[in-house]
Amino acid sequence: MMRATRTLCSSFKPLNKQVLVRRKVPEQQTSAGIMIPQAAQQKANEALIVAVAGETKDWSPSVAVGDSVLLREWGGQVVKIDGEELTLMREEDILGVISA
């Protein structure tokens, strides 16, 4: 059964077991109110799935558009779509789905 690609980003469709994610913006202030300089901020490893490649005969996606996921700290390809920086990565680089 072939399924159409679902997307929150209407101008881009991932291919070949790829997903497009929007990384969470890192915290700029601690819970105590201390401002964190941008140079000291860690790369966010939480993200929201924006688009998923369509299902094929030998692969079915294990994530869906709108899922919150945990990513490896490094990996994926940063792309700019409609003026927004998103990350294109292989589904296998996703560590897990974060349940609400």
C-alpha atoms as a PDB file:
ATOM      1  CA  MET A   1       0.000   0.000   0.000  1.00  0.00           C
ATOM      2  CA  MET A   2       1.500   3.325  -1.049  1.00  0.00           C
ATOM      3  CA  ARG A   3       0.674   6.331   1.093  1.00  0.00           C
ATOM      4  CA  ALA A   4       1.022   9.979   0.140  1.00  0.00           C
ATOM      5  CA  THR A   5       3.603  12.026   1.981  1.00  0.00           C
ATOM      6  CA  ARG A   6       2.120  14.008   4.867  1.00  0.00           C
ATOM      7  CA  THR A   7       3.635  17.386   5.581  1.00  0.00           C
ATOM      8  CA  LEU A   8       3.317  20.601   7.603  1.00  0.00           C
ATOM      9  CA  CYS A   9       5.665  22.190   5.077  1.00  0.00           C
ATOM     10  CA  SER A  10       3.796  22.506   1.800  1.00  0.00           C
ATOM     11  CA  SER A  11       6.813  23.329  -0.364  1.00  0.00           C
ATOM     12  CA  PHE A  12       9.047  20.325   0.423  1.00  0.00           C
ATOM     13  CA  LYS A  13       8.606  16.554   0.209  1.00  0.00           C
ATOM     14  CA  PRO A  14      11.335  14.302   1.702  1.00  0.00           C
ATOM     15  CA  LEU A  15      12.382  11.176  -0.202  1.00  0.00           C
ATOM     16  CA  ASN A  16      14.104   7.862   0.636  1.00  0.00           C
ATOM     17  CA  LYS A  17      13.338   7.243   4.336  1.00  0.00           C
ATOM     18  CA  GLN A  18      14.019  10.886   5.245  1.00  0.00           C
ATOM     19  CA  VAL A  19      12.167  13.141   7.672  1.00  0.00           C
ATOM     20  CA  LEU A  20      12.133  16.917   7.977  1.00  0.00           C
ATOM     21  CA  VAL A  21      12.234  18.268  11.535  1.00  0.00           C
ATOM     22  CA  ARG A  22      12.007  21.654  13.237  1.00  0.00           C
ATOM     23  CA  ARG A  23      14.454  21.707  16.153  1.00  0.00           C
ATOM     24  CA  LYS A  24      13.219  23.133  19.460  1.00  0.00           C
ATOM     25  CA  VAL A  25      14.684  26.562  20.261  1.00  0.00           C
ATOM     26  CA  PRO A  26      17.222  26.182  23.108  1.00  0.00           C
ATOM     27  CA  GLU A  27      16.466  27.807  26.446  1.00  0.00           C
ATOM     28  CA  GLN A  28      17.961  31.283  26.717  1.00  0.00           C
ATOM     29  CA  GLN A  29      17.403  31.629  30.449  1.00  0.00           C
ATOM     30  CA  THR A  30      17.760  29.201  33.363  1.00  0.00           C
ATOM     31  CA  SER A  31      14.928  28.528  35.801  1.00  0.00           C
ATOM     32  CA  ALA A  32      16.744  30.855  38.251  1.00  0.00           C
ATOM     33  CA  GLY A  33      16.610  33.700  35.702  1.00  0.00           C
ATOM     34  CA  ILE A  34      20.250  33.623  34.591  1.00  0.00           C
ATOM     35  CA  MET A  35      20.680  34.493  30.902  1.00  0.00           C
ATOM     36  CA  ILE A  36      22.668  31.923  28.887  1.00  0.00           C
ATOM     37  CA  PRO A  37      24.956  33.456  26.233  1.00  0.00           C
ATOM     38  CA  GLN A  38      24.295  32.145  22.726  1.00  0.00           C
ATOM     39  CA  ALA A  39      27.856  30.794  22.463  1.00  0.00           C
ATOM     40  CA  ALA A  40      27.249  28.596  25.548  1.00  0.00           C
ATOM     41  CA  GLN A  41      23.879  27.210  24.457  1.00  0.00           C
ATOM     42  CA  GLN A  42      23.759  23.557  23.469  1.00  0.00           C
ATOM     43  CA  LYS A  43      22.254  22.420  20.199  1.00  0.00           C
ATOM     44  CA  ALA A  44      18.665  21.341  20.859  1.00  0.00           C
ATOM     45  CA  ASN A  45      18.069  17.627  20.497  1.00  0.00           C
ATOM     46  CA  GLU A  46      14.284  17.785  20.695  1.00  0.00           C
ATOM     47  CA  ALA A  47      12.328  18.427  17.508  1.00  0.00           C
ATOM     48  CA  LEU A  48       8.921  18.361  15.859  1.00  0.00           C
ATOM     49  CA  ILE A  49       8.365  16.221  12.754  1.00  0.00           C
ATOM     50  CA  VAL A  50       7.357  18.555   9.903  1.00  0.00           C
ATOM     51  CA  ALA A  51       7.327  16.107   6.960  1.00  0.00           C
ATOM     52  CA  VAL A  52       7.837  12.375   6.423  1.00  0.00           C
ATOM     53  CA  ALA A  53       8.735  10.535   3.223  1.00  0.00           C
ATOM     54  CA  GLY A  54       5.990   8.365   1.771  1.00  0.00           C
ATOM     55  CA  GLU A  55       5.707   4.653   2.540  1.00  0.00           C
ATOM     56  CA  THR A  56       7.311   2.191   0.123  1.00  0.00           C
ATOM     57  CA  LYS A  57       7.125  -1.592  -0.389  1.00  0.00           C
ATOM     58  CA  ASP A  58      10.010  -2.242   2.006  1.00  0.00           C
ATOM     59  CA  TRP A  59       9.673   0.673   4.457  1.00  0.00           C
ATOM     60  CA  SER A  60       6.932   2.080   6.615  1.00  0.00           C
ATOM     61  CA  PRO A  61       7.624   5.243   8.667  1.00  0.00           C
ATOM     62  CA  SER A  62       7.598   4.819  12.441  1.00  0.00           C
ATOM     63  CA  VAL A  63       7.002   8.546  13.057  1.00  0.00           C
ATOM     64  CA  ALA A  64       4.223  10.828  11.892  1.00  0.00           C
ATOM     65  CA  VAL A  65       3.888  14.531  11.175  1.00  0.00           C
ATOM     66  CA  GLY A  66       3.407  16.393  14.448  1.00  0.00           C
ATOM     67  CA  ASP A  67       5.331  13.895  16.633  1.00  0.00           C
ATOM     68  CA  SER A  68       7.858  15.275  19.122  1.00  0.00           C
ATOM     69  CA  VAL A  69      11.101  13.338  18.870  1.00  0.00           C
ATOM     70  CA  LEU A  70      14.541  13.079  20.458  1.00  0.00           C
ATOM     71  CA  LEU A  71      17.446  13.399  18.013  1.00  0.00           C
ATOM     72  CA  ARG A  72      21.156  12.750  18.072  1.00  0.00           C
ATOM     73  CA  GLU A  73      23.028  15.934  18.964  1.00  0.00           C
ATOM     74  CA  TRP A  74      24.818  16.008  15.618  1.00  0.00           C
ATOM     75  CA  GLY A  75      23.505  14.799  12.305  1.00  0.00           C
ATOM     76  CA  GLY A  76      21.171  15.678   9.523  1.00  0.00           C
ATOM     77  CA  GLN A  77      21.408  18.368   6.890  1.00  0.00           C
ATOM     78  CA  VAL A  78      20.261  21.903   7.734  1.00  0.00           C
ATOM     79  CA  VAL A  79      18.079  23.297   4.942  1.00  0.00           C
ATOM     80  CA  LYS A  80      16.345  26.642   4.608  1.00  0.00           C
ATOM     81  CA  ILE A  81      12.742  26.336   3.384  1.00  0.00           C
ATOM     82  CA  ASP A  82      10.377  29.322   3.199  1.00  0.00           C
ATOM     83  CA  GLY A  83      12.923  31.344   5.223  1.00  0.00           C
ATOM     84  CA  GLU A  84      12.977  28.830   8.096  1.00  0.00           C
ATOM     85  CA  GLU A  85      15.925  26.609   9.058  1.00  0.00           C
ATOM     86  CA  LEU A  86      14.848  22.974   9.249  1.00  0.00           C
ATOM     87  CA  THR A  87      16.846  19.741   9.485  1.00  0.00           C
ATOM     88  CA  LEU A  88      16.545  16.910   6.980  1.00  0.00           C
ATOM     89  CA  MET A  89      17.640  13.566   8.406  1.00  0.00           C
ATOM     90  CA  ARG A  90      17.301   9.822   8.084  1.00  0.00           C
ATOM     91  CA  GLU A  91      14.528   8.321  10.168  1.00  0.00           C
ATOM     92  CA  GLU A  92      17.031   5.897  11.701  1.00  0.00           C
ATOM     93  CA  ASP A  93      18.848   8.866  13.305  1.00  0.00           C
ATOM     94  CA  ILE A  94      15.815   9.576  15.489  1.00  0.00           C
ATOM     95  CA  LEU A  95      16.378   8.152  18.989  1.00  0.00           C
ATOM     96  CA  GLY A  96      12.722   8.031  20.047  1.00  0.00           C
ATOM     97  CA  VAL A  97       9.294   9.628  20.185  1.00  0.00           C
ATOM     98  CA  ILE A  98       8.451  11.844  23.169  1.00  0.00           C
ATOM     99  CA  SER A  99       4.917  11.211  24.400  1.00  0.00           C
ATOM    100  CA  ALA A 100       2.909  14.152  25.731  1.00  0.00           C
END
